[in-house]
Amino acid sequence: MGIGMRELVIILVVVLLVFGTKKLSSIGSDLGAAVRGFKKAVSDGEDEQSSPPKQIRSEGTDAEFPEAAKKGEVKSDRSA
């Protein structure tokens, strides 16, 4: 139930009639460039996954918010 040689030839003839030879060659080159770009992106993604993750350095203490500190005090008073 696959596509045979006759079906492929008929599809090729219809595509040639619809697009023409000049347009078909430009579509082929554009499609090839797209496939190359996709393969490059996939290989770059694999390289990122194989390298160890970068560590973010902490340069100080966390920010303190007075509202959060007050809520924390209230909660600690209720639990006691």
N, C-alpha and C. Protein backbone atom coordinates (compact mmCIF):
# COMPACT_ATOMS: atom_id res chain seq x y z
N MET A 1 0.82 -1.19 0.00
CA MET A 1 0.00 0.00 0.00
C MET A 1 0.86 1.25 0.00
N GLY A 2 2.13 1.14 -0.31
CA GLY A 2 3.00 2.31 -0.37
C GLY A 2 2.91 3.00 -1.73
N ILE A 3 3.67 4.04 -1.85
CA ILE A 3 3.71 4.78 -3.12
C ILE A 3 4.70 4.09 -4.04
N GLY A 4 4.22 3.75 -5.23
CA GLY A 4 5.07 3.06 -6.19
C GLY A 4 5.77 4.04 -7.11
N MET A 5 6.49 3.50 -8.07
CA MET A 5 7.24 4.34 -9.01
C MET A 5 6.30 5.15 -9.90
N ARG A 6 5.20 4.56 -10.33
CA ARG A 6 4.26 5.29 -11.19
C ARG A 6 3.68 6.51 -10.47
N GLU A 7 3.29 6.33 -9.21
CA GLU A 7 2.73 7.44 -8.45
C GLU A 7 3.75 8.57 -8.26
N LEU A 8 5.00 8.21 -7.98
CA LEU A 8 6.05 9.22 -7.83
C LEU A 8 6.26 10.00 -9.13
N VAL A 9 6.24 9.33 -10.27
CA VAL A 9 6.42 10.00 -11.55
C VAL A 9 5.25 10.94 -11.81
N ILE A 10 4.04 10.50 -11.53
CA ILE A 10 2.87 11.35 -11.74
C ILE A 10 2.94 12.58 -10.84
N ILE A 11 3.32 12.40 -9.58
CA ILE A 11 3.45 13.54 -8.66
C ILE A 11 4.52 14.50 -9.16
N LEU A 12 5.64 14.00 -9.62
CA LEU A 12 6.72 14.85 -10.13
C LEU A 12 6.26 15.65 -11.35
N VAL A 13 5.52 15.03 -12.26
CA VAL A 13 5.02 15.72 -13.45
C VAL A 13 4.05 16.83 -13.05
N VAL A 14 3.16 16.54 -12.12
CA VAL A 14 2.20 17.56 -11.67
C VAL A 14 2.93 18.72 -11.00
N VAL A 15 3.92 18.44 -10.19
CA VAL A 15 4.69 19.50 -9.53
C VAL A 15 5.43 20.34 -10.57
N LEU A 16 6.02 19.71 -11.57
CA LEU A 16 6.70 20.45 -12.63
C LEU A 16 5.72 21.35 -13.39
N LEU A 17 4.53 20.85 -13.66
CA LEU A 17 3.54 21.67 -14.36
C LEU A 17 3.07 22.85 -13.53
N VAL A 18 2.91 22.64 -12.23
CA VAL A 18 2.41 23.70 -11.36
C VAL A 18 3.48 24.75 -11.12
N PHE A 19 4.68 24.35 -10.76
CA PHE A 19 5.71 25.30 -10.36
C PHE A 19 6.65 25.70 -11.48
N GLY A 20 6.92 24.86 -12.42
CA GLY A 20 7.91 25.15 -13.46
C GLY A 20 9.30 24.77 -12.99
N THR A 21 10.22 24.68 -13.96
CA THR A 21 11.56 24.19 -13.61
C THR A 21 12.37 25.20 -12.82
N LYS A 22 12.27 26.49 -13.15
CA LYS A 22 13.06 27.50 -12.42
C LYS A 22 12.59 27.61 -10.97
N LYS A 23 11.30 27.65 -10.79
CA LYS A 23 10.76 27.77 -9.44
C LYS A 23 11.05 26.50 -8.64
N LEU A 24 11.00 25.35 -9.31
CA LEU A 24 11.25 24.08 -8.64
C LEU A 24 12.70 23.99 -8.14
N SER A 25 13.64 24.51 -8.92
CA SER A 25 15.04 24.47 -8.48
C SER A 25 15.26 25.40 -7.28
N SER A 26 14.60 26.55 -7.26
CA SER A 26 14.75 27.46 -6.12
C SER A 26 14.07 26.87 -4.88
N ILE A 27 12.95 26.19 -5.07
CA ILE A 27 12.29 25.53 -3.93
C ILE A 27 13.19 24.44 -3.37
N GLY A 28 13.84 23.69 -4.25
CA GLY A 28 14.75 22.63 -3.81
C GLY A 28 15.93 23.17 -3.02
N SER A 29 16.51 24.27 -3.49
CA SER A 29 17.65 24.84 -2.77
C SER A 29 17.21 25.42 -1.42
N ASP A 30 16.02 26.04 -1.39
CA ASP A 30 15.51 26.56 -0.12
C ASP A 30 15.22 25.44 0.86
N LEU A 31 14.67 24.36 0.36
CA LEU A 31 14.38 23.21 1.21
C LEU A 31 15.67 22.59 1.75
N GLY A 32 16.69 22.52 0.91
CA GLY A 32 17.98 22.00 1.36
C GLY A 32 18.60 22.87 2.44
N ALA A 33 18.49 24.19 2.28
CA ALA A 33 19.03 25.11 3.29
C ALA A 33 18.26 24.96 4.60
N ALA A 34 16.96 24.76 4.51
CA ALA A 34 16.16 24.58 5.72
C ALA A 34 16.55 23.30 6.45
N VAL A 35 16.78 22.23 5.71
CA VAL A 35 17.17 20.96 6.33
C VAL A 35 18.55 21.09 6.97
N ARG A 36 19.47 21.77 6.31
CA ARG A 36 20.81 21.98 6.91
C ARG A 36 20.71 22.81 8.18
N GLY A 37 19.89 23.86 8.16
CA GLY A 37 19.71 24.68 9.36
C GLY A 37 19.10 23.89 10.51
N PHE A 38 18.13 23.03 10.19
CA PHE A 38 17.52 22.19 11.22
C PHE A 38 18.53 21.24 11.82
N LYS A 39 19.33 20.59 10.98
CA LYS A 39 20.34 19.66 11.48
C LYS A 39 21.36 20.37 12.35
N LYS A 40 21.74 21.59 11.96
CA LYS A 40 22.70 22.36 12.75
C LYS A 40 22.11 22.72 14.11
N ALA A 41 20.84 23.11 14.13
CA ALA A 41 20.20 23.46 15.40
C ALA A 41 20.09 22.25 16.31
N VAL A 42 19.79 21.10 15.75
CA VAL A 42 19.69 19.88 16.55
C VAL A 42 21.05 19.51 17.13
N SER A 43 22.11 19.60 16.32
CA SER A 43 23.44 19.25 16.83
C SER A 43 23.91 20.26 17.87
N ASP A 44 23.56 21.55 17.71
CA ASP A 44 23.92 22.53 18.72
C ASP A 44 23.20 22.25 20.03
N GLY A 45 21.96 21.82 19.95
CA GLY A 45 21.20 21.47 21.15
C GLY A 45 21.80 20.28 21.86
N GLU A 46 22.28 19.30 21.10
CA GLU A 46 22.91 18.14 21.72
C GLU A 46 24.22 18.54 22.38
N ASP A 47 24.96 19.47 21.79
CA ASP A 47 26.21 19.93 22.41
C ASP A 47 25.93 20.64 23.72
N GLU A 48 24.85 21.42 23.79
CA GLU A 48 24.50 22.12 25.03
C GLU A 48 24.13 21.14 26.12
N GLN A 49 23.43 20.07 25.75
CA GLN A 49 23.01 19.10 26.75
C GLN A 49 24.19 18.30 27.28
N SER A 50 25.20 18.08 26.48
CA SER A 50 26.34 17.29 26.94
C SER A 50 27.29 18.11 27.81
N SER A 51 27.30 19.42 27.68
CA SER A 51 28.18 20.24 28.51
C SER A 51 27.54 20.45 29.87
N PRO A 52 28.35 20.58 30.92
CA PRO A 52 27.79 20.77 32.26
C PRO A 52 27.11 22.13 32.37
N PRO A 53 26.07 22.24 33.17
CA PRO A 53 25.37 23.52 33.31
C PRO A 53 26.25 24.55 33.99
N LYS A 54 26.07 25.78 33.62
CA LYS A 54 26.85 26.86 34.23
C LYS A 54 26.27 27.21 35.59
N GLN A 55 27.15 27.48 36.54
CA GLN A 55 26.72 27.83 37.88
C GLN A 55 26.55 29.34 37.99
N ILE A 56 25.48 29.74 38.62
CA ILE A 56 25.25 31.17 38.85
C ILE A 56 25.79 31.48 40.23
N ARG A 57 26.70 32.44 40.27
CA ARG A 57 27.32 32.79 41.54
C ARG A 57 26.42 33.72 42.32
N SER A 58 26.33 33.47 43.60
CA SER A 58 25.57 34.35 44.48
C SER A 58 26.52 35.42 44.98
N GLU A 59 26.15 36.67 44.78
CA GLU A 59 27.05 37.76 45.14
C GLU A 59 26.69 38.43 46.45
N GLY A 60 25.76 37.90 47.17
CA GLY A 60 25.39 38.52 48.44
C GLY A 60 24.21 37.79 49.03
N THR A 61 23.63 38.42 50.02
CA THR A 61 22.48 37.80 50.67
C THR A 61 21.22 38.14 49.88
N ASP A 62 20.17 37.44 50.22
CA ASP A 62 18.89 37.70 49.57
C ASP A 62 18.33 39.03 50.03
N ALA A 63 17.46 39.58 49.22
CA ALA A 63 16.82 40.84 49.58
C ALA A 63 15.85 40.59 50.73
N GLU A 64 15.74 41.58 51.60
CA GLU A 64 14.81 41.46 52.72
C GLU A 64 13.67 42.42 52.50
N PHE A 65 12.46 41.92 52.67
CA PHE A 65 11.28 42.74 52.49
C PHE A 65 10.58 42.87 53.84
N PRO A 66 10.33 44.09 54.27
CA PRO A 66 9.72 44.29 55.60
C PRO A 66 8.34 43.64 55.71
N GLU A 67 7.55 43.68 54.64
CA GLU A 67 6.21 43.09 54.71
C GLU A 67 6.28 41.59 54.97
N ALA A 68 7.22 40.93 54.30
CA ALA A 68 7.37 39.49 54.48
C ALA A 68 7.89 39.17 55.88
N ALA A 69 8.75 40.02 56.40
CA ALA A 69 9.27 39.80 57.74
C ALA A 69 8.17 39.94 58.77
N LYS A 70 7.26 40.92 58.59
CA LYS A 70 6.15 41.11 59.53
C LYS A 70 5.20 39.91 59.49
N LYS A 71 4.91 39.41 58.30
CA LYS A 71 4.03 38.25 58.17
C LYS A 71 4.68 37.03 58.82
N GLY A 72 5.97 36.93 58.71
CA GLY A 72 6.69 35.81 59.33
C GLY A 72 6.62 35.87 60.83
N GLU A 73 6.68 37.10 61.37
CA GLU A 73 6.59 37.26 62.82
C GLU A 73 5.20 36.90 63.32
N VAL A 74 4.19 37.30 62.55
CA VAL A 74 2.82 37.01 62.96
C VAL A 74 2.58 35.52 62.97
N LYS A 75 3.07 34.82 61.97
CA LYS A 75 2.91 33.38 61.90
C LYS A 75 3.63 32.69 63.05
N SER A 76 4.81 33.18 63.38
CA SER A 76 5.56 32.56 64.46
C SER A 76 4.90 32.82 65.80
N ASP A 77 4.22 33.98 65.99
CA ASP A 77 3.52 34.27 67.22
C ASP A 77 2.31 33.35 67.39
N ARG A 78 1.61 33.06 66.29
CA ARG A 78 0.42 32.22 66.34
C ARG A 78 0.78 30.77 66.65
N SER A 79 1.92 30.31 66.14
CA SER A 79 2.27 28.91 66.34
C SER A 79 2.76 28.65 67.76
N ALA A 80 3.13 29.70 68.51
CA ALA A 80 3.68 29.51 69.86
C ALA A 80 2.65 29.38 70.92
